[in-house]
Amino acid sequence: MPQLNPAPWFAILTFSWLIFLTVIPPKVLAHKFPNEPTPQSTEKPKTESWNWPWQ
């Protein structure tokens, strides 16, 4: 049965993965974030205790 011969299919698989691994990663890594994150302030926000009317 010729379809069980792994030689041409393994070569096709290897070359296709080689092409995918050389073409796709630079395209994905070329994307930039549109908004850079802004640094948060280091001081903690002032928290107040809640005034529970039923206690």
N, C-alpha and C. Protein backbone atom coordinates (compact mmCIF):
# COMPACT_ATOMS: atom_id res chain seq x y z
N MET A 1 0.86 -1.19 0.00
CA MET A 1 0.00 0.00 0.00
C MET A 1 0.90 1.24 0.00
N PRO A 2 0.83 2.06 -1.01
CA PRO A 2 1.77 3.19 -1.10
C PRO A 2 1.51 4.30 -0.08
N GLN A 3 0.31 4.41 0.46
CA GLN A 3 0.05 5.50 1.39
C GLN A 3 0.72 5.28 2.74
N LEU A 4 1.25 4.07 2.99
CA LEU A 4 1.95 3.81 4.24
C LEU A 4 3.43 4.14 4.16
N ASN A 5 3.90 4.55 3.01
CA ASN A 5 5.30 4.94 2.85
C ASN A 5 5.49 6.31 3.49
N PRO A 6 6.27 6.43 4.57
CA PRO A 6 6.36 7.72 5.28
C PRO A 6 7.31 8.71 4.63
N ALA A 7 8.07 8.32 3.66
CA ALA A 7 9.10 9.19 3.11
C ALA A 7 8.55 10.49 2.53
N PRO A 8 7.60 10.50 1.59
CA PRO A 8 7.18 11.81 1.05
C PRO A 8 6.36 12.61 2.05
N TRP A 9 5.57 11.96 2.88
CA TRP A 9 4.72 12.70 3.79
C TRP A 9 5.52 13.31 4.93
N PHE A 10 6.54 12.60 5.37
CA PHE A 10 7.38 13.17 6.43
C PHE A 10 8.16 14.38 5.91
N ALA A 11 8.60 14.31 4.67
CA ALA A 11 9.31 15.45 4.07
C ALA A 11 8.37 16.65 3.90
N ILE A 12 7.15 16.38 3.48
CA ILE A 12 6.17 17.48 3.33
C ILE A 12 5.86 18.09 4.68
N LEU A 13 5.67 17.26 5.70
CA LEU A 13 5.41 17.76 7.04
C LEU A 13 6.58 18.59 7.56
N THR A 14 7.79 18.10 7.35
CA THR A 14 8.98 18.82 7.84
C THR A 14 9.14 20.16 7.13
N PHE A 15 9.00 20.17 5.84
CA PHE A 15 9.17 21.43 5.10
C PHE A 15 8.05 22.43 5.40
N SER A 16 6.83 21.94 5.59
CA SER A 16 5.75 22.87 5.91
C SER A 16 5.95 23.48 7.29
N TRP A 17 6.39 22.68 8.27
CA TRP A 17 6.66 23.25 9.60
C TRP A 17 7.85 24.20 9.55
N LEU A 18 8.84 23.88 8.74
CA LEU A 18 9.98 24.78 8.60
C LEU A 18 9.55 26.12 8.02
N ILE A 19 8.66 26.10 7.04
CA ILE A 19 8.14 27.34 6.47
C ILE A 19 7.30 28.09 7.49
N PHE A 20 6.43 27.37 8.22
CA PHE A 20 5.61 28.04 9.23
C PHE A 20 6.46 28.67 10.33
N LEU A 21 7.51 27.98 10.74
CA LEU A 21 8.33 28.51 11.83
C LEU A 21 9.27 29.63 11.39
N THR A 22 9.47 29.80 10.11
CA THR A 22 10.30 30.92 9.65
C THR A 22 9.49 32.11 9.17
N VAL A 23 8.24 31.91 8.79
CA VAL A 23 7.43 33.00 8.25
C VAL A 23 6.52 33.60 9.32
N ILE A 24 5.86 32.78 10.10
CA ILE A 24 4.83 33.27 11.01
C ILE A 24 5.38 34.01 12.24
N PRO A 25 6.40 33.51 12.95
CA PRO A 25 6.84 34.23 14.16
C PRO A 25 7.27 35.68 13.94
N PRO A 26 8.01 36.03 12.89
CA PRO A 26 8.31 37.46 12.71
C PRO A 26 7.06 38.31 12.48
N LYS A 27 6.06 37.75 11.81
CA LYS A 27 4.83 38.51 11.59
C LYS A 27 4.08 38.72 12.91
N VAL A 28 4.08 37.71 13.76
CA VAL A 28 3.39 37.84 15.04
C VAL A 28 4.15 38.78 15.97
N LEU A 29 5.47 38.67 15.99
CA LEU A 29 6.27 39.51 16.87
C LEU A 29 6.36 40.95 16.40
N ALA A 30 5.95 41.24 15.18
CA ALA A 30 6.00 42.61 14.67
C ALA A 30 4.85 43.46 15.19
N HIS A 31 3.84 42.84 15.79
CA HIS A 31 2.71 43.60 16.31
C HIS A 31 3.12 44.40 17.54
N LYS A 32 2.58 45.58 17.65
CA LYS A 32 2.84 46.46 18.78
C LYS A 32 1.55 46.67 19.55
N PHE A 33 1.70 46.91 20.84
CA PHE A 33 0.53 47.26 21.64
C PHE A 33 0.15 48.71 21.35
N PRO A 34 -1.13 48.99 21.10
CA PRO A 34 -1.51 50.37 20.78
C PRO A 34 -1.39 51.31 21.97
N ASN A 35 -1.61 50.82 23.15
CA ASN A 35 -1.54 51.67 24.34
C ASN A 35 -0.54 51.08 25.32
N GLU A 36 0.48 51.86 25.61
CA GLU A 36 1.45 51.40 26.60
C GLU A 36 0.82 51.56 27.99
N PRO A 37 1.08 50.64 28.89
CA PRO A 37 0.49 50.77 30.22
C PRO A 37 1.08 51.96 30.98
N THR A 38 0.25 52.66 31.68
CA THR A 38 0.70 53.81 32.45
C THR A 38 1.14 53.35 33.84
N PRO A 39 2.22 53.89 34.35
CA PRO A 39 2.65 53.48 35.70
C PRO A 39 1.68 53.99 36.76
N GLN A 40 1.40 53.14 37.71
CA GLN A 40 0.50 53.51 38.79
C GLN A 40 1.27 54.23 39.88
N SER A 41 0.57 55.04 40.66
CA SER A 41 1.22 55.74 41.76
C SER A 41 1.54 54.74 42.87
N THR A 42 2.59 55.07 43.64
CA THR A 42 3.03 54.13 44.67
C THR A 42 2.29 54.32 45.98
N GLU A 43 1.63 55.45 46.17
CA GLU A 43 0.93 55.65 47.44
C GLU A 43 -0.40 54.90 47.42
N LYS A 44 -0.75 54.37 48.57
CA LYS A 44 -1.97 53.58 48.67
C LYS A 44 -3.19 54.50 48.75
N PRO A 45 -4.29 54.11 48.14
CA PRO A 45 -5.49 54.93 48.28
C PRO A 45 -6.02 54.86 49.71
N LYS A 46 -6.55 55.98 50.16
CA LYS A 46 -7.06 56.03 51.53
C LYS A 46 -8.40 55.29 51.60
N THR A 47 -8.45 54.32 52.45
CA THR A 47 -9.68 53.57 52.62
C THR A 47 -10.34 53.98 53.93
N GLU A 48 -11.64 54.11 53.87
CA GLU A 48 -12.40 54.48 55.06
C GLU A 48 -13.28 53.31 55.46
N SER A 49 -13.50 53.19 56.75
CA SER A 49 -14.38 52.12 57.21
C SER A 49 -15.83 52.45 56.87
N TRP A 50 -16.59 51.43 56.65
CA TRP A 50 -17.98 51.63 56.28
C TRP A 50 -18.81 51.89 57.53
N ASN A 51 -19.78 52.74 57.36
CA ASN A 51 -20.69 53.04 58.44
C ASN A 51 -21.96 52.21 58.23
N TRP A 52 -22.03 51.07 58.90
CA TRP A 52 -23.18 50.19 58.74
C TRP A 52 -24.32 50.68 59.63
N PRO A 53 -25.45 51.07 59.07
CA PRO A 53 -26.53 51.61 59.90
C PRO A 53 -27.23 50.55 60.73
N TRP A 54 -27.14 49.28 60.41
CA TRP A 54 -27.90 48.27 61.14
C TRP A 54 -27.07 47.63 62.23
N GLN A 55 -25.89 48.11 62.52
CA GLN A 55 -25.11 47.56 63.63
C GLN A 55 -25.04 48.53 64.77
